[in-house]
Amino acid sequence: MFLLLSAVLFWTLTRVEVSREPGVAQAVLVLSYLAGGQALALSFAGFIGATSVVAFRTSALPRWIGRLGCATAGLCVLSVASLIWDPAFNLLLLAAALGFLWLLATSIALIRTTRPDT
């Protein structure tokens, strides 16, 4: 949802009416950045964190995927610090990379453990 919002806001910047007003254009750009960055990271943290906790409790996924998910969820939450501390932007990039790695690993693990119906 946040990626869609970010894309719509970024598209808004292509409108002549918005680009003529520097203040409006800057505000829309910042909102697009927030929707695609920190807001997305926080929602991703909830999704990855909850899934990793379930993975630990049920052994539905390998434990290393659960650990990677917990670390990723923590980084996603910490990356919000980039709003007040510029060097924390690196945490946002790292959290995004680990999030996609976790998603890929989880998908592969689920495909491998799926058993055909007999």
N, C-alpha and C. Protein backbone atom coordinates (compact mmCIF):
# COMPACT_ATOMS: atom_id res chain seq x y z
N MET A 1 0.81 -1.18 0.00
CA MET A 1 0.00 0.00 0.00
C MET A 1 0.88 1.27 0.00
N PHE A 2 1.92 1.23 0.83
CA PHE A 2 2.79 2.41 0.90
C PHE A 2 3.59 2.61 -0.39
N LEU A 3 3.97 1.51 -1.05
CA LEU A 3 4.66 1.66 -2.33
C LEU A 3 3.75 2.28 -3.37
N LEU A 4 2.50 1.89 -3.35
CA LEU A 4 1.53 2.49 -4.28
C LEU A 4 1.36 3.98 -3.98
N LEU A 5 1.24 4.32 -2.71
CA LEU A 5 1.12 5.73 -2.33
C LEU A 5 2.36 6.51 -2.78
N SER A 6 3.53 5.92 -2.57
CA SER A 6 4.76 6.58 -2.99
C SER A 6 4.78 6.80 -4.50
N ALA A 7 4.36 5.80 -5.24
CA ALA A 7 4.34 5.91 -6.70
C ALA A 7 3.34 6.98 -7.16
N VAL A 8 2.18 7.02 -6.54
CA VAL A 8 1.18 8.03 -6.92
C VAL A 8 1.69 9.43 -6.59
N LEU A 9 2.30 9.58 -5.44
CA LEU A 9 2.85 10.90 -5.08
C LEU A 9 3.97 11.30 -6.04
N PHE A 10 4.81 10.35 -6.39
CA PHE A 10 5.90 10.66 -7.31
C PHE A 10 5.34 11.01 -8.69
N TRP A 11 4.29 10.31 -9.12
CA TRP A 11 3.64 10.63 -10.38
C TRP A 11 3.07 12.05 -10.34
N THR A 12 2.56 12.44 -9.17
CA THR A 12 2.01 13.79 -9.01
C THR A 12 3.05 14.85 -9.36
N LEU A 13 4.30 14.55 -9.12
CA LEU A 13 5.37 15.49 -9.43
C LEU A 13 5.50 15.75 -10.93
N THR A 14 4.98 14.86 -11.74
CA THR A 14 5.07 15.06 -13.20
C THR A 14 4.02 16.04 -13.70
N ARG A 15 3.06 16.35 -12.90
CA ARG A 15 2.00 17.29 -13.29
C ARG A 15 2.57 18.71 -13.33
N VAL A 16 2.24 19.42 -14.36
CA VAL A 16 2.75 20.78 -14.55
C VAL A 16 2.31 21.68 -13.40
N GLU A 17 1.08 21.52 -12.96
CA GLU A 17 0.56 22.37 -11.89
C GLU A 17 1.38 22.25 -10.61
N VAL A 18 1.86 21.05 -10.34
CA VAL A 18 2.65 20.81 -9.12
C VAL A 18 4.08 21.29 -9.32
N SER A 19 4.65 21.01 -10.47
CA SER A 19 6.06 21.36 -10.69
C SER A 19 6.30 22.86 -10.78
N ARG A 20 5.26 23.63 -11.06
CA ARG A 20 5.41 25.09 -11.11
C ARG A 20 5.59 25.70 -9.73
N GLU A 21 5.08 25.04 -8.72
CA GLU A 21 5.15 25.54 -7.34
C GLU A 21 6.25 24.80 -6.58
N PRO A 22 7.39 25.44 -6.34
CA PRO A 22 8.51 24.75 -5.70
C PRO A 22 8.16 24.21 -4.31
N GLY A 23 7.38 24.95 -3.54
CA GLY A 23 7.02 24.50 -2.20
C GLY A 23 6.15 23.26 -2.22
N VAL A 24 5.18 23.24 -3.12
CA VAL A 24 4.30 22.07 -3.27
C VAL A 24 5.08 20.87 -3.78
N ALA A 25 5.93 21.11 -4.75
CA ALA A 25 6.73 20.02 -5.31
C ALA A 25 7.63 19.40 -4.25
N GLN A 26 8.24 20.23 -3.41
CA GLN A 26 9.11 19.72 -2.34
C GLN A 26 8.31 18.92 -1.33
N ALA A 27 7.12 19.40 -0.98
CA ALA A 27 6.28 18.68 -0.01
C ALA A 27 5.85 17.32 -0.56
N VAL A 28 5.46 17.28 -1.82
CA VAL A 28 5.04 16.02 -2.43
C VAL A 28 6.22 15.06 -2.52
N LEU A 29 7.39 15.57 -2.84
CA LEU A 29 8.59 14.74 -2.91
C LEU A 29 8.92 14.13 -1.55
N VAL A 30 8.84 14.91 -0.50
CA VAL A 30 9.13 14.41 0.85
C VAL A 30 8.09 13.36 1.26
N LEU A 31 6.82 13.61 0.96
CA LEU A 31 5.78 12.63 1.28
C LEU A 31 6.00 11.32 0.51
N SER A 32 6.40 11.43 -0.75
CA SER A 32 6.69 10.24 -1.54
C SER A 32 7.85 9.45 -0.93
N TYR A 33 8.88 10.17 -0.51
CA TYR A 33 10.03 9.53 0.13
C TYR A 33 9.62 8.83 1.43
N LEU A 34 8.82 9.50 2.24
CA LEU A 34 8.40 8.90 3.51
C LEU A 34 7.54 7.66 3.30
N ALA A 35 6.63 7.72 2.33
CA ALA A 35 5.75 6.58 2.07
C ALA A 35 6.53 5.38 1.54
N GLY A 36 7.52 5.63 0.72
CA GLY A 36 8.32 4.54 0.16
C GLY A 36 9.50 4.15 1.01
N GLY A 37 9.77 4.89 2.06
CA GLY A 37 10.93 4.60 2.91
C GLY A 37 10.52 4.16 4.30
N GLN A 38 10.40 5.11 5.20
CA GLN A 38 10.17 4.78 6.60
C GLN A 38 8.81 4.12 6.85
N ALA A 39 7.76 4.60 6.22
CA ALA A 39 6.44 4.00 6.45
C ALA A 39 6.42 2.56 5.94
N LEU A 40 7.02 2.33 4.80
CA LEU A 40 7.09 0.98 4.27
C LEU A 40 7.94 0.09 5.18
N ALA A 41 9.04 0.63 5.69
CA ALA A 41 9.92 -0.15 6.57
C ALA A 41 9.18 -0.57 7.84
N LEU A 42 8.39 0.33 8.41
CA LEU A 42 7.66 -0.03 9.62
C LEU A 42 6.60 -1.10 9.36
N SER A 43 5.89 -0.99 8.26
CA SER A 43 4.89 -2.01 7.97
C SER A 43 5.56 -3.35 7.63
N PHE A 44 6.68 -3.29 6.96
CA PHE A 44 7.45 -4.49 6.64
C PHE A 44 7.98 -5.14 7.91
N ALA A 45 8.36 -4.33 8.90
CA ALA A 45 8.86 -4.86 10.17
C ALA A 45 7.78 -5.68 10.87
N GLY A 46 6.56 -5.18 10.86
CA GLY A 46 5.47 -5.93 11.48
C GLY A 46 5.21 -7.25 10.78
N PHE A 47 5.21 -7.23 9.46
CA PHE A 47 4.97 -8.45 8.68
C PHE A 47 6.09 -9.47 8.89
N ILE A 48 7.34 -9.03 8.74
CA ILE A 48 8.47 -9.95 8.88
C ILE A 48 8.60 -10.43 10.31
N GLY A 49 8.44 -9.53 11.28
CA GLY A 49 8.56 -9.91 12.68
C GLY A 49 7.52 -10.94 13.09
N ALA A 50 6.27 -10.72 12.72
CA ALA A 50 5.20 -11.66 13.09
C ALA A 50 5.41 -13.02 12.43
N THR A 51 5.81 -13.01 11.17
CA THR A 51 6.05 -14.27 10.47
C THR A 51 7.22 -15.02 11.08
N SER A 52 8.25 -14.30 11.49
CA SER A 52 9.42 -14.95 12.09
C SER A 52 9.09 -15.55 13.45
N VAL A 53 8.27 -14.88 14.22
CA VAL A 53 7.86 -15.43 15.52
C VAL A 53 7.07 -16.72 15.32
N VAL A 54 6.17 -16.72 14.36
CA VAL A 54 5.41 -17.94 14.05
C VAL A 54 6.35 -19.03 13.56
N ALA A 55 7.35 -18.67 12.77
CA ALA A 55 8.31 -19.65 12.27
C ALA A 55 9.08 -20.29 13.42
N PHE A 56 9.43 -19.51 14.43
CA PHE A 56 10.12 -20.05 15.60
C PHE A 56 9.22 -21.00 16.38
N ARG A 57 7.99 -20.61 16.58
CA ARG A 57 7.08 -21.39 17.42
C ARG A 57 6.60 -22.67 16.77
N THR A 58 6.44 -22.67 15.47
CA THR A 58 5.87 -23.84 14.79
C THR A 58 6.88 -24.64 14.00
N SER A 59 8.08 -24.18 13.86
CA SER A 59 9.11 -24.81 13.03
C SER A 59 8.65 -24.98 11.59
N ALA A 60 7.82 -24.06 11.13
CA ALA A 60 7.34 -24.11 9.74
C ALA A 60 8.45 -23.71 8.77
N LEU A 61 9.40 -22.95 9.25
CA LEU A 61 10.54 -22.51 8.43
C LEU A 61 11.82 -22.85 9.19
N PRO A 62 12.92 -22.94 8.46
CA PRO A 62 14.20 -23.16 9.16
C PRO A 62 14.49 -22.04 10.16
N ARG A 63 15.16 -22.40 11.24
CA ARG A 63 15.42 -21.43 12.31
C ARG A 63 16.24 -20.24 11.83
N TRP A 64 17.15 -20.47 10.87
CA TRP A 64 17.98 -19.35 10.41
C TRP A 64 17.13 -18.30 9.70
N ILE A 65 16.04 -18.73 9.06
CA ILE A 65 15.15 -17.76 8.43
C ILE A 65 14.42 -16.95 9.50
N GLY A 66 14.06 -17.61 10.59
CA GLY A 66 13.43 -16.90 11.70
C GLY A 66 14.37 -15.87 12.32
N ARG A 67 15.64 -16.27 12.50
CA ARG A 67 16.63 -15.33 13.05
C ARG A 67 16.87 -14.15 12.11
N LEU A 68 16.99 -14.46 10.81
CA LEU A 68 17.18 -13.40 9.82
C LEU A 68 15.98 -12.46 9.82
N GLY A 69 14.79 -13.00 9.96
CA GLY A 69 13.58 -12.18 9.99
C GLY A 69 13.53 -11.27 11.21
N CYS A 70 13.91 -11.81 12.36
CA CYS A 70 13.91 -10.97 13.57
C CYS A 70 14.94 -9.85 13.46
N ALA A 71 16.11 -10.16 12.93
CA ALA A 71 17.13 -9.13 12.75
C ALA A 71 16.66 -8.08 11.74
N THR A 72 16.03 -8.54 10.68
CA THR A 72 15.53 -7.61 9.66
C THR A 72 14.43 -6.72 10.21
N ALA A 73 13.52 -7.30 10.98
CA ALA A 73 12.44 -6.51 11.59
C ALA A 73 13.02 -5.45 12.53
N GLY A 74 14.03 -5.83 13.30
CA GLY A 74 14.67 -4.85 14.18
C GLY A 74 15.33 -3.72 13.41
N LEU A 75 16.02 -4.07 12.32
CA LEU A 75 16.64 -3.04 11.48
C LEU A 75 15.60 -2.13 10.84
N CYS A 76 14.48 -2.70 10.45
CA CYS A 76 13.41 -1.89 9.86
C CYS A 76 12.92 -0.85 10.85
N VAL A 77 12.75 -1.27 12.10
CA VAL A 77 12.30 -0.33 13.13
C VAL A 77 13.37 0.72 13.40
N LEU A 78 14.62 0.30 13.50
CA LEU A 78 15.70 1.25 13.76
C LEU A 78 15.92 2.22 12.60
N SER A 79 15.58 1.80 11.39
CA SER A 79 15.81 2.65 10.23
C SER A 79 14.96 3.91 10.25
N VAL A 80 13.92 3.93 11.05
CA VAL A 80 13.09 5.13 11.16
C VAL A 80 13.89 6.27 11.78
N ALA A 81 14.97 5.94 12.45
CA ALA A 81 15.84 6.97 13.02
C ALA A 81 16.42 7.87 11.94
N SER A 82 16.36 7.43 10.69
CA SER A 82 16.88 8.27 9.60
C SER A 82 16.08 9.56 9.44
N LEU A 83 14.93 9.63 10.06
CA LEU A 83 14.16 10.87 10.03
C LEU A 83 14.84 11.98 10.82
N ILE A 84 15.58 11.60 11.85
CA ILE A 84 16.24 12.61 12.70
C ILE A 84 17.76 12.53 12.66
N TRP A 85 18.31 11.46 12.09
CA TRP A 85 19.76 11.29 12.06
C TRP A 85 20.15 10.75 10.68
N ASP A 86 20.73 11.60 9.86
CA ASP A 86 21.02 11.25 8.46
C ASP A 86 21.84 9.98 8.26
N PRO A 87 22.87 9.69 9.06
CA PRO A 87 23.62 8.45 8.83
C PRO A 87 22.78 7.18 8.96
N ALA A 88 21.64 7.26 9.63
CA ALA A 88 20.78 6.08 9.78
C ALA A 88 20.11 5.69 8.46
N PHE A 89 20.26 6.52 7.43
CA PHE A 89 19.72 6.17 6.12
C PHE A 89 20.31 4.86 5.63
N ASN A 90 21.56 4.59 6.01
CA ASN A 90 22.19 3.32 5.64
C ASN A 90 21.44 2.13 6.23
N LEU A 91 20.86 2.31 7.41
CA LEU A 91 20.05 1.25 8.01
C LEU A 91 18.82 0.97 7.16
N LEU A 92 18.25 2.00 6.58
CA LEU A 92 17.08 1.83 5.72
C LEU A 92 17.44 1.00 4.49
N LEU A 93 18.59 1.28 3.90
CA LEU A 93 19.04 0.51 2.74
C LEU A 93 19.34 -0.94 3.12
N LEU A 94 20.00 -1.13 4.25
CA LEU A 94 20.33 -2.47 4.72
C LEU A 94 19.06 -3.25 5.06
N ALA A 95 18.11 -2.59 5.70
CA ALA A 95 16.85 -3.25 6.04
C ALA A 95 16.10 -3.67 4.79
N ALA A 96 16.11 -2.83 3.77
CA ALA A 96 15.43 -3.18 2.51
C ALA A 96 16.11 -4.38 1.85
N ALA A 97 17.43 -4.38 1.82
CA ALA A 97 18.15 -5.50 1.20
C ALA A 97 17.91 -6.79 1.97
N LEU A 98 18.00 -6.74 3.30
CA LEU A 98 17.75 -7.93 4.10
C LEU A 98 16.29 -8.38 4.00
N GLY A 99 15.39 -7.43 3.90
CA GLY A 99 13.98 -7.77 3.76
C GLY A 99 13.71 -8.55 2.49
N PHE A 100 14.29 -8.12 1.39
CA PHE A 100 14.10 -8.85 0.14
C PHE A 100 14.82 -10.20 0.17
N LEU A 101 15.97 -10.27 0.84
CA LEU A 101 16.66 -11.55 1.01
C LEU A 101 15.81 -12.50 1.84
N TRP A 102 15.22 -11.99 2.93
CA TRP A 102 14.35 -12.81 3.77
C TRP A 102 13.14 -13.30 2.98
N LEU A 103 12.56 -12.43 2.19
CA LEU A 103 11.39 -12.80 1.39
C LEU A 103 11.74 -13.90 0.39
N LEU A 104 12.88 -13.78 -0.25
CA LEU A 104 13.33 -14.78 -1.20
C LEU A 104 13.61 -16.11 -0.50
N ALA A 105 14.33 -16.07 0.62
CA ALA A 105 14.65 -17.29 1.36
C ALA A 105 13.38 -17.97 1.88
N THR A 106 12.44 -17.19 2.38
CA THR A 106 11.19 -17.75 2.88
C THR A 106 10.40 -18.39 1.75
N SER A 107 10.35 -17.75 0.62
CA SER A 107 9.63 -18.30 -0.53
C SER A 107 10.23 -19.62 -0.98
N ILE A 108 11.54 -19.68 -1.06
CA ILE A 108 12.21 -20.91 -1.48
C ILE A 108 11.99 -22.01 -0.45
N ALA A 109 12.08 -21.67 0.83
CA ALA A 109 11.86 -22.67 1.89
C ALA A 109 10.44 -23.20 1.85
N LEU A 110 9.47 -22.35 1.62
CA LEU A 110 8.08 -22.80 1.56
C LEU A 110 7.82 -23.66 0.33
N ILE A 111 8.44 -23.32 -0.79
CA ILE A 111 8.28 -24.15 -1.99
C ILE A 111 8.89 -25.52 -1.77
N ARG A 112 10.04 -25.59 -1.13
CA ARG A 112 10.72 -26.86 -0.90
C ARG A 112 9.98 -27.75 0.09
N THR A 113 9.29 -27.16 1.04
CA THR A 113 8.61 -27.97 2.06
C THR A 113 7.18 -28.32 1.68
N THR A 114 6.68 -27.78 0.60
CA THR A 114 5.32 -28.11 0.16
C THR A 114 5.29 -29.53 -0.36
N ARG A 115 4.36 -30.30 0.17
CA ARG A 115 4.22 -31.68 -0.24
C ARG A 115 3.00 -31.82 -1.14
N PRO A 116 3.14 -32.57 -2.21
CA PRO A 116 1.98 -32.76 -3.11
C PRO A 116 0.91 -33.60 -2.42
N ASP A 117 -0.33 -33.35 -2.77
CA ASP A 117 -1.43 -34.13 -2.22
C ASP A 117 -1.40 -35.53 -2.82
N THR A 118 -1.69 -36.51 -1.99
CA THR A 118 -1.71 -37.89 -2.48
C THR A 118 -3.08 -38.48 -2.41
